[in-house]
N, C-alpha and C. Protein backbone atom coordinates (compact mmCIF):
# COMPACT_ATOMS: atom_id res chain seq x y z
N UNK A 1 0.84 -1.19 0.00
CA UNK A 1 0.00 0.00 0.00
C UNK A 1 0.88 1.25 0.00
N UNK A 2 0.61 2.11 -0.91
CA UNK A 2 1.31 3.39 -0.99
C UNK A 2 0.30 4.49 -1.23
N UNK A 3 0.66 5.68 -0.82
CA UNK A 3 -0.20 6.84 -1.03
C UNK A 3 -0.41 7.09 -2.51
N UNK A 4 -1.63 7.28 -2.92
CA UNK A 4 -1.96 7.55 -4.31
C UNK A 4 -2.19 6.31 -5.14
N UNK A 5 -2.15 5.15 -4.55
CA UNK A 5 -2.39 3.90 -5.28
C UNK A 5 -3.87 3.84 -5.68
N UNK A 6 -4.16 3.62 -6.98
CA UNK A 6 -5.54 3.61 -7.45
C UNK A 6 -6.25 2.27 -7.23
N UNK A 7 -5.53 1.26 -6.81
CA UNK A 7 -6.13 -0.07 -6.63
C UNK A 7 -6.98 -0.12 -5.37
N UNK A 8 -7.94 -1.03 -5.36
CA UNK A 8 -8.77 -1.22 -4.17
C UNK A 8 -8.73 -2.69 -3.77
N UNK A 9 -9.07 -2.95 -2.52
CA UNK A 9 -9.08 -4.32 -2.00
C UNK A 9 -10.49 -4.87 -2.07
N UNK A 10 -10.62 -6.14 -2.38
CA UNK A 10 -11.96 -6.75 -2.36
C UNK A 10 -12.51 -6.77 -0.93
N UNK A 11 -13.81 -6.65 -0.80
CA UNK A 11 -14.46 -6.63 0.50
C UNK A 11 -14.14 -7.88 1.31
N UNK A 12 -14.07 -9.05 0.66
CA UNK A 12 -13.79 -10.28 1.40
C UNK A 12 -12.42 -10.25 2.07
N UNK A 13 -11.45 -9.55 1.46
CA UNK A 13 -10.12 -9.42 2.07
C UNK A 13 -10.15 -8.42 3.23
N UNK A 14 -10.87 -7.33 3.05
CA UNK A 14 -10.98 -6.33 4.11
C UNK A 14 -11.66 -6.92 5.34
N UNK A 15 -12.67 -7.75 5.13
CA UNK A 15 -13.38 -8.38 6.25
C UNK A 15 -12.46 -9.28 7.07
N UNK A 16 -11.45 -9.81 6.45
CA UNK A 16 -10.52 -10.70 7.15
C UNK A 16 -9.56 -9.94 8.06
N UNK A 17 -9.21 -8.73 7.69
CA UNK A 17 -8.15 -8.02 8.41
C UNK A 17 -8.62 -6.82 9.24
N UNK A 18 -9.77 -6.25 8.93
CA UNK A 18 -10.22 -5.06 9.66
C UNK A 18 -11.18 -5.42 10.78
N UNK A 19 -11.05 -4.71 11.93
CA UNK A 19 -12.03 -4.92 13.01
C UNK A 19 -13.41 -4.43 12.55
N UNK A 20 -14.45 -4.93 13.19
CA UNK A 20 -15.83 -4.61 12.79
C UNK A 20 -16.13 -3.11 12.81
N UNK A 21 -15.65 -2.40 13.84
CA UNK A 21 -15.97 -0.97 13.93
C UNK A 21 -15.33 -0.18 12.78
N UNK A 22 -14.12 -0.53 12.39
CA UNK A 22 -13.46 0.17 11.29
C UNK A 22 -14.10 -0.24 9.96
N UNK A 23 -14.45 -1.50 9.83
CA UNK A 23 -15.13 -1.96 8.62
C UNK A 23 -16.48 -1.26 8.43
N UNK A 24 -17.18 -1.06 9.54
CA UNK A 24 -18.47 -0.35 9.50
C UNK A 24 -18.27 1.10 9.04
N UNK A 25 -17.26 1.78 9.59
CA UNK A 25 -16.98 3.16 9.20
C UNK A 25 -16.56 3.24 7.73
N UNK A 26 -15.79 2.24 7.29
CA UNK A 26 -15.37 2.17 5.88
C UNK A 26 -16.59 2.05 4.97
N UNK A 27 -17.49 1.17 5.33
CA UNK A 27 -18.71 0.99 4.52
C UNK A 27 -19.56 2.25 4.48
N UNK A 28 -19.68 2.92 5.64
CA UNK A 28 -20.44 4.18 5.68
C UNK A 28 -19.80 5.23 4.78
N UNK A 29 -18.47 5.31 4.83
CA UNK A 29 -17.75 6.29 4.01
C UNK A 29 -17.93 5.99 2.52
N UNK A 30 -17.84 4.71 2.16
CA UNK A 30 -18.05 4.32 0.77
C UNK A 30 -19.46 4.70 0.30
N UNK A 31 -20.44 4.46 1.17
CA UNK A 31 -21.83 4.80 0.82
C UNK A 31 -22.00 6.31 0.66
N UNK A 32 -21.40 7.09 1.57
CA UNK A 32 -21.48 8.55 1.48
C UNK A 32 -20.88 9.05 0.17
N UNK A 33 -19.72 8.54 -0.17
CA UNK A 33 -19.07 8.97 -1.41
C UNK A 33 -19.87 8.58 -2.64
N UNK A 34 -20.47 7.40 -2.62
CA UNK A 34 -21.28 6.96 -3.75
C UNK A 34 -22.51 7.84 -3.91
N UNK A 35 -23.16 8.16 -2.80
CA UNK A 35 -24.34 9.02 -2.84
C UNK A 35 -23.97 10.42 -3.29
N UNK A 36 -22.88 10.95 -2.72
CA UNK A 36 -22.45 12.30 -3.07
C UNK A 36 -22.08 12.40 -4.54
N UNK A 37 -21.48 11.35 -5.07
CA UNK A 37 -21.07 11.37 -6.47
C UNK A 37 -22.26 11.33 -7.43
N UNK A 38 -23.35 10.71 -7.01
CA UNK A 38 -24.49 10.55 -7.92
C UNK A 38 -25.55 11.63 -7.81
N UNK A 39 -25.84 12.09 -6.58
CA UNK A 39 -26.97 13.04 -6.46
C UNK A 39 -26.83 14.00 -5.28
N UNK A 40 -25.64 14.53 -5.07
CA UNK A 40 -25.41 15.43 -3.94
C UNK A 40 -26.24 16.71 -4.01
N UNK A 41 -26.57 17.17 -5.22
CA UNK A 41 -27.33 18.41 -5.37
C UNK A 41 -28.77 18.29 -4.91
N UNK A 42 -29.29 17.06 -4.88
CA UNK A 42 -30.70 16.85 -4.58
C UNK A 42 -30.96 16.40 -3.16
N UNK A 43 -29.93 15.95 -2.46
CA UNK A 43 -30.12 15.38 -1.12
C UNK A 43 -29.98 16.41 -0.02
N UNK A 44 -30.80 16.27 1.01
CA UNK A 44 -30.67 17.07 2.22
C UNK A 44 -30.69 16.11 3.42
N UNK A 45 -30.04 16.54 4.51
CA UNK A 45 -30.07 15.77 5.74
C UNK A 45 -31.21 16.25 6.60
N UNK A 46 -31.32 15.69 7.83
CA UNK A 46 -32.43 16.01 8.72
C UNK A 46 -32.49 17.49 9.09
N UNK A 47 -31.37 18.22 8.96
CA UNK A 47 -31.35 19.65 9.28
C UNK A 47 -31.73 20.50 8.07
N UNK A 48 -32.13 19.86 6.96
CA UNK A 48 -32.59 20.53 5.74
C UNK A 48 -31.49 21.30 5.01
N UNK A 49 -30.24 20.89 5.18
CA UNK A 49 -29.11 21.50 4.48
C UNK A 49 -28.68 20.54 3.37
N UNK A 50 -28.36 21.08 2.20
CA UNK A 50 -27.94 20.23 1.09
C UNK A 50 -26.72 19.40 1.47
N UNK A 51 -26.69 18.19 0.96
CA UNK A 51 -25.64 17.21 1.27
C UNK A 51 -24.25 17.77 0.99
N UNK A 52 -24.07 18.41 -0.17
CA UNK A 52 -22.74 18.89 -0.55
C UNK A 52 -22.22 19.98 0.39
N UNK A 53 -23.09 20.69 1.06
CA UNK A 53 -22.65 21.70 2.04
C UNK A 53 -22.45 21.07 3.41
N UNK A 54 -22.90 19.86 3.58
CA UNK A 54 -22.92 19.20 4.88
C UNK A 54 -21.77 18.21 5.06
N UNK A 55 -21.18 17.73 3.97
CA UNK A 55 -20.17 16.68 4.03
C UNK A 55 -19.02 17.09 4.94
N UNK A 56 -18.72 16.21 5.89
CA UNK A 56 -17.62 16.46 6.83
C UNK A 56 -18.00 17.30 8.04
N UNK A 57 -19.25 17.72 8.15
CA UNK A 57 -19.70 18.54 9.27
C UNK A 57 -20.92 17.90 9.91
N UNK A 58 -21.04 18.07 11.22
CA UNK A 58 -22.24 17.60 11.90
C UNK A 58 -23.37 18.60 11.64
N UNK A 59 -24.59 18.16 11.90
CA UNK A 59 -25.74 19.06 11.74
C UNK A 59 -25.57 20.30 12.62
N UNK A 60 -25.05 20.11 13.82
CA UNK A 60 -24.85 21.23 14.74
C UNK A 60 -23.86 22.24 14.18
N UNK A 61 -22.77 21.75 13.56
CA UNK A 61 -21.78 22.66 12.97
C UNK A 61 -22.37 23.45 11.81
N UNK A 62 -23.17 22.78 10.99
CA UNK A 62 -23.79 23.46 9.85
C UNK A 62 -24.77 24.52 10.33
N UNK A 63 -25.61 24.16 11.31
CA UNK A 63 -26.60 25.10 11.82
C UNK A 63 -25.93 26.28 12.53
N UNK A 64 -24.84 26.02 13.24
CA UNK A 64 -24.11 27.10 13.91
C UNK A 64 -23.54 28.07 12.88
N UNK A 65 -22.99 27.53 11.78
CA UNK A 65 -22.46 28.38 10.72
C UNK A 65 -23.56 29.23 10.11
N UNK A 66 -24.74 28.62 9.87
CA UNK A 66 -25.87 29.36 9.31
C UNK A 66 -26.36 30.43 10.28
N UNK A 67 -26.37 30.11 11.58
CA UNK A 67 -26.81 31.09 12.58
C UNK A 67 -25.87 32.29 12.60
N UNK A 68 -24.58 32.04 12.53
CA UNK A 68 -23.60 33.13 12.51
C UNK A 68 -23.78 33.97 11.25
N UNK A 69 -23.98 33.30 10.10
CA UNK A 69 -24.18 34.03 8.85
C UNK A 69 -25.43 34.90 8.92
N UNK A 70 -26.52 34.36 9.48
CA UNK A 70 -27.76 35.14 9.61
C UNK A 70 -27.58 36.32 10.56
N UNK A 71 -26.85 36.12 11.65
CA UNK A 71 -26.61 37.20 12.61
C UNK A 71 -25.81 38.32 11.96
N UNK A 72 -24.78 37.97 11.21
CA UNK A 72 -23.97 38.98 10.52
C UNK A 72 -24.81 39.73 9.49
N UNK A 73 -25.63 39.00 8.73
CA UNK A 73 -26.52 39.62 7.75
C UNK A 73 -27.48 40.59 8.41
N UNK A 74 -28.06 40.18 9.54
CA UNK A 74 -28.99 41.04 10.28
C UNK A 74 -28.28 42.30 10.75
N UNK A 75 -27.08 42.16 11.32
CA UNK A 75 -26.33 43.32 11.79
C UNK A 75 -25.96 44.26 10.65
N UNK A 76 -25.60 43.69 9.50
CA UNK A 76 -25.28 44.52 8.34
C UNK A 76 -26.51 45.30 7.86
N UNK A 77 -27.66 44.65 7.87
CA UNK A 77 -28.89 45.33 7.44
C UNK A 77 -29.31 46.40 8.43
N UNK A 78 -29.11 46.15 9.72
CA UNK A 78 -29.43 47.17 10.73
C UNK A 78 -28.53 48.38 10.55
N UNK A 79 -27.26 48.14 10.27
CA UNK A 79 -26.33 49.25 10.04
C UNK A 79 -26.72 50.01 8.78
N UNK A 80 -27.03 49.28 7.73
CA UNK A 80 -27.40 49.91 6.46
C UNK A 80 -28.66 50.76 6.61
N UNK A 81 -29.57 50.35 7.50
CA UNK A 81 -30.81 51.10 7.71
C UNK A 81 -30.53 52.45 8.35
N UNK A 82 -29.41 52.59 9.04
CA UNK A 82 -29.08 53.86 9.70
C UNK A 82 -28.20 54.75 8.84
N UNK A 83 -27.56 54.18 7.83
CA UNK A 83 -26.66 54.95 6.98
C UNK A 83 -27.45 55.66 5.89
N UNK A 84 -27.10 56.92 5.68
CA UNK A 84 -27.69 57.72 4.61
C UNK A 84 -26.57 58.13 3.68
N UNK A 85 -26.85 58.11 2.40
CA UNK A 85 -25.86 58.55 1.40
C UNK A 85 -26.17 59.98 1.01
N UNK A 86 -25.16 60.81 1.03
CA UNK A 86 -25.31 62.20 0.63
C UNK A 86 -25.84 62.26 -0.79
N UNK A 87 -26.86 63.09 -1.01
CA UNK A 87 -27.47 63.19 -2.33
C UNK A 87 -26.56 63.89 -3.34
N UNK A 88 -25.56 64.59 -2.85
CA UNK A 88 -24.66 65.32 -3.75
C UNK A 88 -23.38 64.53 -4.05
N UNK A 89 -22.70 64.01 -3.00
CA UNK A 89 -21.40 63.37 -3.23
C UNK A 89 -21.39 61.86 -2.93
N UNK A 90 -22.46 61.34 -2.32
CA UNK A 90 -22.54 59.90 -2.05
C UNK A 90 -21.84 59.43 -0.78
N UNK A 91 -21.32 60.33 0.00
CA UNK A 91 -20.66 59.95 1.25
C UNK A 91 -21.68 59.36 2.22
N UNK A 92 -21.29 58.31 2.93
CA UNK A 92 -22.17 57.70 3.92
C UNK A 92 -22.24 58.55 5.18
N UNK A 93 -23.45 58.79 5.65
CA UNK A 93 -23.67 59.58 6.86
C UNK A 93 -24.49 58.76 7.85
N UNK A 94 -24.11 58.81 9.13
CA UNK A 94 -24.84 58.11 10.18
C UNK A 94 -25.19 59.11 11.27
N UNK A 95 -26.46 59.11 11.67
CA UNK A 95 -26.92 59.99 12.74
C UNK A 95 -26.69 59.29 14.07
N UNK A 96 -25.95 59.93 14.94
CA UNK A 96 -25.74 59.38 16.28
C UNK A 96 -26.46 60.21 17.33
N UNK A 97 -26.66 61.49 17.02
CA UNK A 97 -27.39 62.38 17.93
C UNK A 97 -27.80 63.62 17.16
N UNK A 98 -28.58 64.47 17.80
CA UNK A 98 -28.96 65.73 17.19
C UNK A 98 -30.24 65.64 16.39
N UNK A 99 -30.48 66.68 15.60
CA UNK A 99 -31.72 66.77 14.83
C UNK A 99 -31.61 66.00 13.52
N UNK A 100 -32.70 65.99 12.77
CA UNK A 100 -32.76 65.23 11.53
C UNK A 100 -32.26 66.00 10.32
N UNK A 101 -31.73 67.18 10.53
CA UNK A 101 -31.12 67.95 9.45
C UNK A 101 -29.64 67.56 9.41
N UNK A 102 -29.28 66.76 8.42
CA UNK A 102 -27.91 66.24 8.34
C UNK A 102 -27.10 67.08 7.37
N UNK A 103 -25.87 67.33 7.75
CA UNK A 103 -24.97 68.08 6.87
C UNK A 103 -23.81 67.18 6.48
N UNK A 104 -23.38 67.33 5.25
CA UNK A 104 -22.26 66.56 4.72
C UNK A 104 -21.04 67.47 4.61
N UNK A 105 -19.88 66.88 4.56
CA UNK A 105 -18.66 67.68 4.44
C UNK A 105 -18.57 68.42 3.11
N UNK A 106 -19.38 67.96 2.12
CA UNK A 106 -19.38 68.65 0.81
C UNK A 106 -20.22 69.92 0.86
N UNK A 107 -20.94 70.14 1.98
CA UNK A 107 -21.73 71.36 2.13
C UNK A 107 -23.22 71.19 1.87
N UNK A 108 -23.64 70.02 1.47
CA UNK A 108 -25.07 69.81 1.22
C UNK A 108 -25.78 69.37 2.50
N UNK A 109 -27.11 69.54 2.50
CA UNK A 109 -27.94 69.16 3.65
C UNK A 109 -29.04 68.22 3.17
N UNK A 110 -29.43 67.31 4.05
CA UNK A 110 -30.51 66.38 3.72
C UNK A 110 -31.28 66.02 4.97
N UNK A 111 -32.50 65.55 4.77
CA UNK A 111 -33.34 65.10 5.88
C UNK A 111 -32.99 63.65 6.17
N UNK A 112 -32.72 63.36 7.42
CA UNK A 112 -32.39 61.99 7.83
C UNK A 112 -33.57 61.05 7.62
N UNK A 113 -34.79 61.54 7.79
CA UNK A 113 -35.97 60.68 7.70
C UNK A 113 -36.33 60.30 6.28
N UNK A 114 -36.50 61.28 5.41
CA UNK A 114 -36.95 61.00 4.05
C UNK A 114 -35.82 61.04 3.02
N UNK A 115 -34.64 61.45 3.45
CA UNK A 115 -33.42 61.46 2.62
C UNK A 115 -33.46 62.47 1.48
N UNK A 116 -34.38 63.44 1.56
CA UNK A 116 -34.49 64.47 0.52
C UNK A 116 -33.48 65.58 0.79
N UNK A 117 -32.95 66.20 -0.29
CA UNK A 117 -32.08 67.36 -0.09
C UNK A 117 -32.91 68.52 0.46
N UNK A 118 -32.34 69.27 1.38
CA UNK A 118 -33.08 70.38 2.00
C UNK A 118 -32.19 71.60 2.13
N UNK A 119 -32.84 72.72 2.36
CA UNK A 119 -32.16 73.97 2.73
C UNK A 119 -32.91 74.51 3.93
N UNK A 120 -32.22 74.96 4.91
CA UNK A 120 -32.86 75.51 6.11
C UNK A 120 -33.68 74.48 6.86
N UNK A 121 -34.70 75.00 7.57
CA UNK A 121 -35.52 74.13 8.42
C UNK A 121 -36.99 74.10 7.98
N UNK A 122 -37.34 74.69 6.87
CA UNK A 122 -38.73 74.71 6.40
C UNK A 122 -39.25 73.32 6.03
N UNK A 123 -38.37 72.40 5.80
CA UNK A 123 -38.75 71.02 5.46
C UNK A 123 -39.43 70.33 6.64
N UNK A 124 -39.12 70.78 7.84
CA UNK A 124 -39.58 70.10 9.06
C UNK A 124 -40.84 70.75 9.64
N UNK A 125 -41.63 69.95 10.32
CA UNK A 125 -42.85 70.41 10.97
C UNK A 125 -42.52 71.47 12.02
N UNK A 126 -43.31 72.54 12.03
CA UNK A 126 -43.10 73.64 12.98
C UNK A 126 -44.17 73.68 14.07
N UNK A 127 -45.10 72.72 14.07
CA UNK A 127 -46.19 72.70 15.05
C UNK A 127 -45.71 72.17 16.39
N UNK A 128 -46.25 72.75 17.47
CA UNK A 128 -45.91 72.30 18.83
C UNK A 128 -46.59 70.95 19.10
N UNK A 129 -45.83 70.04 19.69
CA UNK A 129 -46.37 68.72 20.06
C UNK A 129 -45.40 68.05 21.03
N UNK A 130 -45.82 66.97 21.61
CA UNK A 130 -44.95 66.22 22.52
C UNK A 130 -43.81 65.60 21.73
N UNK A 131 -42.61 65.48 22.34
CA UNK A 131 -41.47 64.87 21.63
C UNK A 131 -41.80 63.45 21.18
N UNK A 132 -41.52 63.16 19.91
CA UNK A 132 -41.76 61.83 19.36
C UNK A 132 -43.18 61.59 18.87
N UNK A 133 -44.12 62.47 19.23
CA UNK A 133 -45.51 62.29 18.81
C UNK A 133 -45.69 62.81 17.39
N UNK A 134 -46.56 62.16 16.59
CA UNK A 134 -46.81 62.65 15.23
C UNK A 134 -47.62 63.95 15.27
N UNK A 135 -47.44 64.74 14.24
CA UNK A 135 -48.18 65.99 14.14
C UNK A 135 -49.59 65.71 13.63
N UNK A 136 -50.57 66.45 14.22
CA UNK A 136 -51.96 66.29 13.79
C UNK A 136 -52.35 67.32 12.74
N UNK A 137 -51.42 68.22 12.41
CA UNK A 137 -51.72 69.32 11.50
C UNK A 137 -51.04 69.21 10.13
N UNK A 138 -49.94 68.47 10.04
CA UNK A 138 -49.22 68.37 8.76
C UNK A 138 -48.53 67.01 8.64
N UNK A 139 -47.98 66.76 7.46
CA UNK A 139 -47.29 65.48 7.21
C UNK A 139 -45.79 65.70 7.01
N UNK A 140 -45.29 66.87 7.45
CA UNK A 140 -43.86 67.15 7.30
C UNK A 140 -43.05 66.27 8.25
N UNK A 141 -41.78 66.11 7.93
CA UNK A 141 -40.89 65.32 8.78
C UNK A 141 -40.66 66.01 10.11
N UNK A 142 -40.42 65.24 11.13
CA UNK A 142 -40.13 65.77 12.46
C UNK A 142 -38.67 66.16 12.54
N UNK A 143 -38.38 67.29 13.17
CA UNK A 143 -37.00 67.74 13.31
C UNK A 143 -36.23 66.87 14.29
N UNK A 144 -36.89 66.35 15.31
CA UNK A 144 -36.20 65.57 16.35
C UNK A 144 -36.78 64.17 16.44
N UNK A 145 -35.95 63.16 16.30
CA UNK A 145 -36.32 61.76 16.55
C UNK A 145 -35.10 61.05 17.11
N UNK A 146 -35.35 59.94 17.78
CA UNK A 146 -34.29 59.13 18.35
C UNK A 146 -33.73 58.23 17.25
N UNK A 147 -32.42 58.30 16.94
CA UNK A 147 -31.87 57.49 15.85
C UNK A 147 -31.84 55.99 16.16
N UNK A 148 -31.98 55.61 17.41
CA UNK A 148 -31.96 54.19 17.77
C UNK A 148 -33.33 53.54 17.65
N UNK A 149 -34.39 54.36 17.47
CA UNK A 149 -35.74 53.83 17.33
C UNK A 149 -36.03 53.68 15.84
N UNK A 150 -36.55 52.52 15.45
CA UNK A 150 -36.87 52.28 14.04
C UNK A 150 -38.05 53.15 13.65
N UNK A 151 -37.87 53.81 12.52
CA UNK A 151 -38.90 54.75 12.06
C UNK A 151 -39.55 54.24 10.79
N UNK A 152 -40.79 54.61 10.58
CA UNK A 152 -41.48 54.37 9.30
C UNK A 152 -41.21 55.59 8.45
N UNK A 153 -40.19 55.49 7.59
CA UNK A 153 -39.82 56.64 6.76
C UNK A 153 -40.51 56.55 5.41
N UNK A 154 -40.42 57.62 4.67
CA UNK A 154 -41.08 57.69 3.37
C UNK A 154 -40.38 56.81 2.34
N UNK A 155 -39.12 56.42 2.56
CA UNK A 155 -38.38 55.60 1.58
C UNK A 155 -38.05 54.27 2.18
């Protein structure tokens, strides 16, 4: 026996020399390889993951990897929901505090809520109301909102 030898041993010879537990693992491995070679794209295991993505990993390892991937995707989407692109130069802007009138280093201004370019404060509601409460008199954007609270924006 040498590494890379393409020859195989007949099963009757292997049964003579291998212990039962190793022979069982050998048979399982042969079956896995045969199945993977013929229809790996169509098979799924009990965790509903395709066979070709599962080979060599336990169900727990596959599910843990998927959970991590989903968590990263969720965090990326949450970050993207807070980032605004400047309408003039495309620079990413994130509101951490202050009002909803955002200024960019290029000199342009935009509304954090609806992402429209603005000048001054006429874009925002001027009616008196409780902080965070919607206006009953107009549909203009609010000048002050908490950036950590998810908002129903126009876009």
